[in-house]
C-alpha atoms as a PDB file:
ATOM      1  CA  MET A   1     -32.432 -24.828  24.019  1.00  0.00           C
ATOM      2  CA  LYS A   2     -31.446 -21.530  25.614  1.00  0.00           C
ATOM      3  CA  HIS A   3     -27.892 -22.815  26.094  1.00  0.00           C
ATOM      4  CA  VAL A   4     -27.670 -23.791  22.424  1.00  0.00           C
ATOM      5  CA  VAL A   5     -28.778 -20.321  21.284  1.00  0.00           C
ATOM      6  CA  LEU A   6     -26.323 -18.604  23.600  1.00  0.00           C
ATOM      7  CA  PHE A   7     -23.501 -20.820  22.366  1.00  0.00           C
ATOM      8  CA  ALA A   8     -24.321 -19.995  18.720  1.00  0.00           C
ATOM      9  CA  VAL A   9     -24.371 -16.258  19.416  1.00  0.00           C
ATOM     10  CA  ALA A  10     -21.083 -16.471  21.313  1.00  0.00           C
ATOM     11  CA  SER A  11     -19.508 -18.325  18.399  1.00  0.00           C
ATOM     12  CA  LEU A  12     -20.529 -15.594  15.988  1.00  0.00           C
ATOM     13  CA  VAL A  13     -19.125 -12.883  18.250  1.00  0.00           C
ATOM     14  CA  VAL A  14     -15.784 -14.667  18.550  1.00  0.00           C
ATOM     15  CA  ALA A  15     -15.608 -15.163  14.774  1.00  0.00           C
ATOM     16  CA  GLY A  16     -16.323 -11.469  14.204  1.00  0.00           C
ATOM     17  CA  CYS A  17     -13.508 -10.391  16.553  1.00  0.00           C
ATOM     18  CA  ALA A  18     -10.658 -11.925  14.572  1.00  0.00           C
ATOM     19  CA  THR A  19      -7.990  -9.297  13.854  1.00  0.00           C
ATOM     20  CA  GLU A  20      -5.798 -11.146  11.360  1.00  0.00           C
ATOM     21  CA  GLN A  21      -6.605 -12.166   7.791  1.00  0.00           C
ATOM     22  CA  LYS A  22      -4.398 -14.091   5.385  1.00  0.00           C
ATOM     23  CA  PRO A  23      -4.050 -13.029   1.737  1.00  0.00           C
ATOM     24  CA  LYS A  24      -5.680 -14.820  -1.136  1.00  0.00           C
ATOM     25  CA  THR A  25      -3.194 -16.932  -3.051  1.00  0.00           C
ATOM     26  CA  GLY A  26      -2.606 -17.404  -6.761  1.00  0.00           C
ATOM     27  CA  ALA A  27      -0.860 -15.324  -9.375  1.00  0.00           C
ATOM     28  CA  ALA A  28      -3.794 -14.419 -11.598  1.00  0.00           C
ATOM     29  CA  PHE A  29      -6.096 -11.575 -10.684  1.00  0.00           C
ATOM     30  CA  ALA A  30      -9.640 -12.574  -9.913  1.00  0.00           C
ATOM     31  CA  PRO A  31     -12.422 -10.489 -11.466  1.00  0.00           C
ATOM     32  CA  VAL A  32     -13.572  -7.565  -9.366  1.00  0.00           C
ATOM     33  CA  VAL A  33     -16.948  -8.420  -7.906  1.00  0.00           C
ATOM     34  CA  ALA A  34     -19.014  -5.919  -5.954  1.00  0.00           C
ATOM     35  CA  ALA A  35     -19.405  -7.097  -2.380  1.00  0.00           C
ATOM     36  CA  ALA A  36     -22.441  -6.543  -0.223  1.00  0.00           C
ATOM     37  CA  PRO A  37     -22.137  -3.317   1.800  1.00  0.00           C
ATOM     38  CA  ALA A  38     -20.561  -3.864   5.205  1.00  0.00           C
ATOM     39  CA  ALA A  39     -22.061  -2.467   8.392  1.00  0.00           C
ATOM     40  CA  PRO A  40     -20.581   0.908   9.412  1.00  0.00           C
ATOM     41  CA  GLY A  41     -17.389   0.594  11.417  1.00  0.00           C
ATOM     42  CA  VAL A  42     -16.480  -2.944  10.316  1.00  0.00           C
ATOM     43  CA  PRO A  43     -13.689  -3.827   7.854  1.00  0.00           C
ATOM     44  CA  GLY A  44     -14.684  -2.879   4.336  1.00  0.00           C
ATOM     45  CA  SER A  45     -17.406  -0.450   5.360  1.00  0.00           C
ATOM     46  CA  ARG A  46     -15.520   2.522   3.878  1.00  0.00           C
ATOM     47  CA  LEU A  47     -14.235   0.709   0.793  1.00  0.00           C
ATOM     48  CA  GLY A  48     -15.097   2.705  -2.343  1.00  0.00           C
ATOM     49  CA  LYS A  49     -16.473   5.617  -0.328  1.00  0.00           C
ATOM     50  CA  VAL A  50     -15.373   9.181  -1.095  1.00  0.00           C
ATOM     51  CA  ASP A  51     -14.256  11.120   1.964  1.00  0.00           C
ATOM     52  CA  SER A  52     -14.755  14.810   2.716  1.00  0.00           C
ATOM     53  CA  GLU A  53     -11.528  15.697   0.853  1.00  0.00           C
ATOM     54  CA  GLY A  54     -12.533  13.845  -2.321  1.00  0.00           C
ATOM     55  CA  TYR A  55     -10.343  10.755  -1.843  1.00  0.00           C
ATOM     56  CA  THR A  56     -11.761   7.318  -2.601  1.00  0.00           C
ATOM     57  CA  VAL A  57     -10.900   4.622  -0.051  1.00  0.00           C
ATOM     58  CA  ILE A  58      -9.233   1.651  -1.795  1.00  0.00           C
ATOM     59  CA  PHE A  59      -8.171  -0.297   1.291  1.00  0.00           C
ATOM     60  CA  ASP A  60     -10.210  -0.576   4.453  1.00  0.00           C
ATOM     61  CA  GLY A  61      -9.176  -3.747   6.211  1.00  0.00           C
ATOM     62  CA  THR A  62     -10.103  -6.444   3.663  1.00  0.00           C
ATOM     63  CA  TRP A  63      -8.366  -8.097   0.712  1.00  0.00           C
ATOM     64  CA  ASP A  64     -10.941  -6.766  -1.760  1.00  0.00           C
ATOM     65  CA  GLY A  65      -9.051  -5.309  -4.731  1.00  0.00           C
ATOM     66  CA  TRP A  66      -5.588  -6.405  -3.568  1.00  0.00           C
ATOM     67  CA  ARG A  67      -3.369  -9.346  -4.461  1.00  0.00           C
ATOM     68  CA  ALA A  68       0.051 -10.345  -3.098  1.00  0.00           C
ATOM     69  CA  ASN A  69       2.405 -12.084  -5.495  1.00  0.00           C
ATOM     70  CA  GLU A  70       5.294 -14.403  -4.499  1.00  0.00           C
ATOM     71  CA  ARG A  71       5.546 -15.429  -0.840  1.00  0.00           C
ATOM     72  CA  SER A  72       2.097 -14.154   0.023  1.00  0.00           C
ATOM     73  CA  GLN A  73       2.647 -15.449   3.568  1.00  0.00           C
ATOM     74  CA  SER A  74       4.661 -12.252   4.124  1.00  0.00           C
ATOM     75  CA  TRP A  75       1.324 -10.411   4.307  1.00  0.00           C
ATOM     76  CA  THR A  76      -1.481 -10.368   6.847  1.00  0.00           C
ATOM     77  CA  ILE A  77      -4.189  -7.906   7.788  1.00  0.00           C
ATOM     78  CA  VAL A  78      -3.939  -6.947  11.451  1.00  0.00           C
ATOM     79  CA  ASP A  79      -6.317  -4.463  13.076  1.00  0.00           C
ATOM     80  CA  GLY A  80      -7.306  -2.971   9.731  1.00  0.00           C
ATOM     81  CA  ALA A  81      -3.769  -2.610   8.356  1.00  0.00           C
ATOM     82  CA  PHE A  82      -1.704  -4.576   5.867  1.00  0.00           C
ATOM     83  CA  ARG A  83       1.245  -5.956   7.837  1.00  0.00           C
ATOM     84  CA  ALA A  84       4.350  -6.677   5.765  1.00  0.00           C
ATOM     85  CA  ASN A  85       6.863  -8.966   7.481  1.00  0.00           C
ATOM     86  CA  GLY A  86       8.717 -11.673   5.608  1.00  0.00           C
ATOM     87  CA  ASP A  87      10.667 -12.476   2.507  1.00  0.00           C
ATOM     88  CA  ARG A  88      10.297 -10.268  -0.569  1.00  0.00           C
ATOM     89  CA  SER A  89       6.686  -9.899  -1.720  1.00  0.00           C
ATOM     90  CA  HIS A  90       4.619  -7.158  -3.298  1.00  0.00           C
ATOM     91  CA  ASN A  91       0.952  -6.461  -2.776  1.00  0.00           C
ATOM     92  CA  PHE A  92      -0.738  -4.929  -5.842  1.00  0.00           C
ATOM     93  CA  TYR A  93      -3.962  -2.947  -6.120  1.00  0.00           C
ATOM     94  CA  TYR A  94      -6.157  -4.363  -8.902  1.00  0.00           C
ATOM     95  CA  GLY A  95      -9.485  -2.754  -8.020  1.00  0.00           C
ATOM     96  CA  PRO A  96     -11.806  -0.867 -10.357  1.00  0.00           C
ATOM     97  CA  LEU A  97     -10.089   2.539 -10.137  1.00  0.00           C
ATOM     98  CA  GLN A  98      -6.824   1.446 -11.778  1.00  0.00           C
ATOM     99  CA  PRO A  99      -4.987   2.281 -13.940  1.00  0.00           C
ATOM    100  CA  PHE A 100      -3.806   5.650 -12.611  1.00  0.00           C
ATOM    101  CA  LYS A 101      -1.960   8.421 -14.432  1.00  0.00           C
ATOM    102  CA  ASP A 102      -2.317  11.754 -12.610  1.00  0.00           C
ATOM    103  CA  PHE A 103      -3.354  11.155  -9.007  1.00  0.00           C
ATOM    104  CA  ASP A 104      -3.070  12.103  -5.341  1.00  0.00           C
ATOM    105  CA  LEU A 105      -2.432   9.066  -3.106  1.00  0.00           C
ATOM    106  CA  LYS A 106      -2.406   8.923   0.697  1.00  0.00           C
ATOM    107  CA  VAL A 107      -1.293   5.938   2.772  1.00  0.00           C
ATOM    108  CA  ASP A 108      -0.951   5.819   6.551  1.00  0.00           C
ATOM    109  CA  VAL A 109       2.286   4.012   7.405  1.00  0.00           C
ATOM    110  CA  LYS A 110       4.045   2.758  10.531  1.00  0.00           C
ATOM    111  CA  THR A 111       7.504   1.166  10.650  1.00  0.00           C
ATOM    112  CA  GLU A 112       9.241  -0.786  13.364  1.00  0.00           C
ATOM    113  CA  PRO A 113      12.923   0.093  13.984  1.00  0.00           C
ATOM    114  CA  GLY A 114      15.298  -1.091  11.262  1.00  0.00           C
ATOM    115  CA  SER A 115      12.524  -1.699   8.730  1.00  0.00           C
ATOM    116  CA  ASN A 116      12.448  -1.137   4.975  1.00  0.00           C
ATOM    117  CA  GLY A 117       9.401  -0.947   2.726  1.00  0.00           C
ATOM    118  CA  GLY A 118       8.070   0.924  -0.253  1.00  0.00           C
ATOM    119  CA  ILE A 119       5.065   2.237  -2.152  1.00  0.00           C
ATOM    120  CA  TYR A 120       5.231   1.773  -5.933  1.00  0.00           C
ATOM    121  CA  ILE A 121       3.421   4.021  -8.391  1.00  0.00           C
ATOM    122  CA  HIS A 122       2.646   3.535 -12.110  1.00  0.00           C
ATOM    123  CA  THR A 123       3.656  -0.101 -11.732  1.00  0.00           C
ATOM    124  CA  LYS A 124       2.295  -3.333 -13.226  1.00  0.00           C
ATOM    125  CA  TYR A 125       1.522  -6.671 -11.612  1.00  0.00           C
ATOM    126  CA  GLN A 126       4.227  -9.322 -11.928  1.00  0.00           C
ATOM    127  CA  ASP A 127       4.450 -12.776 -10.413  1.00  0.00           C
ATOM    128  CA  GLU A 128       7.829 -12.321  -8.745  1.00  0.00           C
ATOM    129  CA  GLY A 129      10.835 -10.068  -8.342  1.00  0.00           C
ATOM    130  CA  TRP A 130      11.214  -6.398  -7.541  1.00  0.00           C
ATOM    131  CA  PRO A 131       8.568  -4.531  -9.585  1.00  0.00           C
ATOM    132  CA  TRP A 132      10.002  -3.340 -12.886  1.00  0.00           C
ATOM    133  CA  GLY A 133       7.346  -0.785 -13.825  1.00  0.00           C
ATOM    134  CA  GLY A 134       7.065   2.771 -12.554  1.00  0.00           C
ATOM    135  CA  TYR A 135       8.838   4.215  -9.527  1.00  0.00           C
ATOM    136  CA  GLU A 136       9.269   3.175  -5.915  1.00  0.00           C
ATOM    137  CA  THR A 137       8.764   5.800  -3.219  1.00  0.00           C
ATOM    138  CA  GLN A 138      10.812   4.639  -0.260  1.00  0.00           C
ATOM    139  CA  VAL A 139       9.600   3.757   3.241  1.00  0.00           C
ATOM    140  CA  ASN A 140      12.572   3.663   5.640  1.00  0.00           C
ATOM    141  CA  GLN A 141      13.356   5.600   8.796  1.00  0.00           C
ATOM    142  CA  THR A 142      16.226   3.599  10.374  1.00  0.00           C
ATOM    143  CA  HIS A 143      17.057   0.686   8.032  1.00  0.00           C
ATOM    144  CA  GLY A 144      20.685   0.484   6.876  1.00  0.00           C
ATOM    145  CA  ASP A 145      19.815   1.707   3.378  1.00  0.00           C
ATOM    146  CA  TRP A 146      20.741   5.410   3.324  1.00  0.00           C
ATOM    147  CA  ARG A 147      17.822   6.186   0.994  1.00  0.00           C
ATOM    148  CA  LYS A 148      15.113   7.233   3.449  1.00  0.00           C
ATOM    149  CA  SER A 149      11.347   7.716   3.341  1.00  0.00           C
ATOM    150  CA  GLY A 150      10.178  10.008   0.593  1.00  0.00           C
ATOM    151  CA  SER A 151      12.966   9.048  -1.805  1.00  0.00           C
ATOM    152  CA  VAL A 152      12.026   8.453  -5.410  1.00  0.00           C
ATOM    153  CA  TYR A 153      14.200   5.411  -5.130  1.00  0.00           C
ATOM    154  CA  SER A 154      17.641   5.646  -6.771  1.00  0.00           C
ATOM    155  CA  VAL A 155      16.469   8.621  -8.844  1.00  0.00           C
ATOM    156  CA  GLN A 156      16.094  11.502  -6.394  1.00  0.00           C
ATOM    157  CA  ASP A 157      16.815  10.327  -2.881  1.00  0.00           C
ATOM    158  CA  VAL A 158      16.199  11.716   0.600  1.00  0.00           C
ATOM    159  CA  LYS A 159      18.738  11.311   3.423  1.00  0.00           C
ATOM    160  CA  GLU A 160      16.769  12.728   6.359  1.00  0.00           C
ATOM    161  CA  VAL A 161      13.122  12.288   7.315  1.00  0.00           C
ATOM    162  CA  PRO A 162      10.731  14.166   9.615  1.00  0.00           C
ATOM    163  CA  VAL A 163       8.927  11.019  10.832  1.00  0.00           C
ATOM    164  CA  LYS A 164       9.794   8.280  13.337  1.00  0.00           C
ATOM    165  CA  ASP A 165       9.509   4.533  13.782  1.00  0.00           C
ATOM    166  CA  ASN A 166       6.593   3.213  15.861  1.00  0.00           C
ATOM    167  CA  GLU A 167       4.415   6.189  14.939  1.00  0.00           C
ATOM    168  CA  TRP A 168       1.713   6.401  12.281  1.00  0.00           C
ATOM    169  CA  TYR A 169       2.346   9.032   9.631  1.00  0.00           C
ATOM    170  CA  THR A 170       0.827   9.866   6.240  1.00  0.00           C
ATOM    171  CA  HIS A 171       2.850   9.105   3.118  1.00  0.00           C
ATOM    172  CA  ARG A 172       1.404  11.142   0.246  1.00  0.00           C
ATOM    173  CA  VAL A 173       2.394  10.941  -3.426  1.00  0.00           C
ATOM    174  CA  VAL A 174       1.081  13.410  -5.994  1.00  0.00           C
ATOM    175  CA  VAL A 175       1.751  12.784  -9.690  1.00  0.00           C
ATOM    176  CA  LYS A 176       0.816  15.362 -12.307  1.00  0.00           C
ATOM    177  CA  GLY A 177       2.258  15.358 -15.792  1.00  0.00           C
ATOM    178  CA  ASN A 178       5.985  14.684 -15.485  1.00  0.00           C
ATOM    179  CA  ASN A 179       6.231  15.671 -11.810  1.00  0.00           C
ATOM    180  CA  ILE A 180       6.221  13.607  -8.591  1.00  0.00           C
ATOM    181  CA  LYS A 181       5.823  15.203  -5.184  1.00  0.00           C
ATOM    182  CA  VAL A 182       6.183  13.199  -1.961  1.00  0.00           C
ATOM    183  CA  TYR A 183       4.895  14.500   1.365  1.00  0.00           C
ATOM    184  CA  LEU A 184       5.367  13.006   4.825  1.00  0.00           C
ATOM    185  CA  ASN A 185       2.782  14.303   7.294  1.00  0.00           C
ATOM    186  CA  ASP A 186       2.055  17.163   4.870  1.00  0.00           C
ATOM    187  CA  LYS A 187       5.719  18.202   4.691  1.00  0.00           C
ATOM    188  CA  LEU A 188       7.077  18.237   1.139  1.00  0.00           C
ATOM    189  CA  VAL A 189      10.248  16.112   1.197  1.00  0.00           C
ATOM    190  CA  ASN A 190      10.729  15.433  -2.523  1.00  0.00           C
ATOM    191  CA  ASP A 191       9.849  17.292  -5.701  1.00  0.00           C
ATOM    192  CA  PHE A 192      11.074  15.435  -8.774  1.00  0.00           C
ATOM    193  CA  THR A 193      10.464  16.382 -12.404  1.00  0.00           C
ATOM    194  CA  GLU A 194      11.411  13.952 -15.138  1.00  0.00           C
ATOM    195  CA  GLU A 195      13.879  15.301 -17.626  1.00  0.00           C
ATOM    196  CA  ALA A 196      12.741  15.638 -21.236  1.00  0.00           C
ATOM    197  CA  GLY A 197      13.259  12.486 -23.263  1.00  0.00           C
ATOM    198  CA  ARG A 198      13.732  10.176 -20.277  1.00  0.00           C
ATOM    199  CA  GLN A 199      13.789   6.539 -21.408  1.00  0.00           C
ATOM    200  CA  PRO A 200      12.854   3.400 -19.467  1.00  0.00           C
ATOM    201  CA  GLY A 201      15.775   1.715 -17.728  1.00  0.00           C
ATOM    202  CA  LYS A 202      16.905  -1.846 -18.324  1.00  0.00           C
ATOM    203  CA  ASP A 203      16.647  -3.190 -14.778  1.00  0.00           C
ATOM    204  CA  PHE A 204      13.773  -0.916 -13.712  1.00  0.00           C
ATOM    205  CA  GLU A 205      11.529   1.314 -15.795  1.00  0.00           C
ATOM    206  CA  ARG A 206      11.764   4.394 -13.552  1.00  0.00           C
ATOM    207  CA  LYS A 207       9.637   6.444 -15.897  1.00  0.00           C
ATOM    208  CA  LEU A 208       6.154   7.889 -15.534  1.00  0.00           C
ATOM    209  CA  ASN A 209       3.550   6.170 -17.638  1.00  0.00           C
ATOM    210  CA  SER A 210       0.392   4.824 -16.008  1.00  0.00           C
ATOM    211  CA  GLY A 211      -0.383   1.830 -13.857  1.00  0.00           C
ATOM    212  CA  THR A 212      -1.309   0.734 -10.395  1.00  0.00           C
ATOM    213  CA  PHE A 213       0.090   0.800  -6.855  1.00  0.00           C
ATOM    214  CA  ALA A 214       2.060  -1.857  -4.994  1.00  0.00           C
ATOM    215  CA  LEU A 215       3.163  -2.125  -1.378  1.00  0.00           C
ATOM    216  CA  GLN A 216       6.435  -3.793  -0.455  1.00  0.00           C
ATOM    217  CA  SER A 217       7.421  -6.478   2.021  1.00  0.00           C
ATOM    218  CA  HIS A 218      11.197  -6.116   1.901  1.00  0.00           C
ATOM    219  CA  ASP A 219      12.746  -8.743   4.195  1.00  0.00           C
ATOM    220  CA  PRO A 220      12.044 -10.890   7.296  1.00  0.00           C
ATOM    221  CA  LYS A 221      13.595  -8.337   9.678  1.00  0.00           C
ATOM    222  CA  SER A 222      11.352  -5.505   8.470  1.00  0.00           C
ATOM    223  CA  VAL A 223       7.858  -4.839   9.820  1.00  0.00           C
ATOM    224  CA  VAL A 224       5.826  -2.192   7.991  1.00  0.00           C
ATOM    225  CA  LEU A 225       2.111  -1.489   8.338  1.00  0.00           C
ATOM    226  CA  TYR A 226      -0.002   0.246   5.692  1.00  0.00           C
ATOM    227  CA  LYS A 227      -3.611   1.348   6.231  1.00  0.00           C
ATOM    228  CA  ASN A 228      -6.293   3.887   5.290  1.00  0.00           C
ATOM    229  CA  ILE A 229      -5.256   3.909   1.634  1.00  0.00           C
ATOM    230  CA  ARG A 230      -7.154   6.489  -0.413  1.00  0.00           C
ATOM    231  CA  VAL A 231      -6.683   8.164  -3.757  1.00  0.00           C
ATOM    232  CA  LYS A 232      -8.186  10.700  -6.105  1.00  0.00           C
ATOM    233  CA  LYS A 233      -7.492  11.160  -9.787  1.00  0.00           C
ATOM    234  CA  ILE A 234      -6.515  14.668 -10.816  1.00  0.00           C
END
């Protein structure tokens, strides 16, 4: 009997040590259901908590509140971070805090050399394709695209960045009124104000409105990790 008990305990420990989770599949958003509180220090234990700076944690190592669209196999959760590596796919936040209008968003990011990614703001869920709604703020240190991290993509672009591949850094986006500010490790790298009367584009909206966030898996050669995602409305 003792051997049976020990085997059962060992099985539970092994199951609890898994570091990779696959995304939920399906295009439609499931209803947001409050999960039982997780033990401190385990994935999900900080989800929905407000930190000392007033930011609410919206990703803490579980799929709660997030949904990948096409090619969801491009996404996994590894050691508490979303890992994007594969064909084009976008991972949308659909938790209870959205939609967002004026906000302060922080995401910890790490890129492998030659990688491309992105963080979309004021966007809307769609089943496939590059997100039409809102703006993309670029994630790219050494990919061939000359538009580097901190760019408000194809609107006000950045050519040089103060961060490096293989190192975690904080990508911060602050939207207030008609202004977008992007900070990398607290350094302001982009300050864009929409011109009066700006109209949505045909191929991409590229206009402030309101909406949610989306993370990008760009291509099979790119590896980008996103973690510790937190936001406060302002």
